[in-house]
C-alpha atoms as a PDB file:
ATOM      1  CA  ARG A   1     -13.375 -18.978  -5.493  1.00  0.00           C
ATOM      2  CA  GLU A   2     -11.928 -19.899  -2.255  1.00  0.00           C
ATOM      3  CA  TYR A   3      -8.498 -19.005  -3.702  1.00  0.00           C
ATOM      4  CA  LEU A   4      -9.905 -15.372  -4.557  1.00  0.00           C
ATOM      5  CA  GLN A   5     -11.089 -14.911  -1.065  1.00  0.00           C
ATOM      6  CA  VAL A   6      -7.620 -15.958   0.319  1.00  0.00           C
ATOM      7  CA  MET A   7      -5.914 -13.385  -2.124  1.00  0.00           C
ATOM      8  CA  ASN A   8      -8.431 -10.711  -1.061  1.00  0.00           C
ATOM      9  CA  GLN A   9      -7.793 -11.294   2.627  1.00  0.00           C
ATOM     10  CA  ILE A  10      -3.575 -11.033   1.901  1.00  0.00           C
ATOM     11  CA  ALA A  11      -4.310  -7.982  -0.028  1.00  0.00           C
ATOM     12  CA  ALA A  12      -6.580  -6.379   2.679  1.00  0.00           C
ATOM     13  CA  GLY A  13      -3.913  -7.347   5.357  1.00  0.00           C
ATOM     14  CA  GLN A  14      -1.250  -5.642   3.351  1.00  0.00           C
ATOM     15  CA  VAL A  15      -3.161  -2.459   3.066  1.00  0.00           C
ATOM     16  CA  SER A  16      -3.861  -2.357   6.534  1.00  0.00           C
ATOM     17  CA  ASP A  17      -0.492  -2.677   7.444  1.00  0.00           C
ATOM     18  CA  ALA A  18       0.654  -0.050   5.104  1.00  0.00           C
ATOM     19  CA  LEU A  19      -2.217   2.304   6.605  1.00  0.00           C
ATOM     20  CA  ARG A  20      -1.084   1.401  10.050  1.00  0.00           C
ATOM     21  CA  ALA A  21       2.445   2.091   9.166  1.00  0.00           C
ATOM     22  CA  GLN A  22       1.531   5.421   7.547  1.00  0.00           C
ATOM     23  CA  SER A  23      -0.585   6.408  10.572  1.00  0.00           C
ATOM     24  CA  ASN A  24       2.236   5.788  13.061  1.00  0.00           C
ATOM     25  CA  GLU A  25       4.615   8.098  10.740  1.00  0.00           C
ATOM     26  CA  ILE A  26       1.991  10.763  10.867  1.00  0.00           C
ATOM     27  CA  SER A  27       1.416  10.649  14.392  1.00  0.00           C
ATOM     28  CA  LYS A  28       5.383  10.460  15.104  1.00  0.00           C
ATOM     29  CA  ASN A  29       5.743  13.661  13.022  1.00  0.00           C
ATOM     30  CA  ILE A  30       3.074  15.468  14.701  1.00  0.00           C
ATOM     31  CA  PHE A  31       4.440  14.548  17.997  1.00  0.00           C
ATOM     32  CA  ILE A  32       7.925  15.754  16.728  1.00  0.00           C
ATOM     33  CA  PHE A  33       6.436  19.000  15.488  1.00  0.00           C
ATOM     34  CA  LYS A  34       4.531  19.796  19.038  1.00  0.00           C
ATOM     35  CA  ARG A  35       7.757  19.169  20.852  1.00  0.00           C
ATOM     36  CA  GLU A  36       9.695  21.512  18.388  1.00  0.00           C
ATOM     37  CA  THR A  37       7.219  24.234  18.601  1.00  0.00           C
ATOM     38  CA  ARG A  38       6.852  23.987  22.355  1.00  0.00           C
ATOM     39  CA  ASP A  39      10.648  24.919  22.656  1.00  0.00           C
END
């Protein structure tokens, strides 16, 4: 039972890391897009 909790926490941590990386990519792309359209 505790083992499952640990596995869930690890999985949740990996998911949030992936989401964070994804949102960083998206915001970076939006920033680049805005900069290019302004020029």
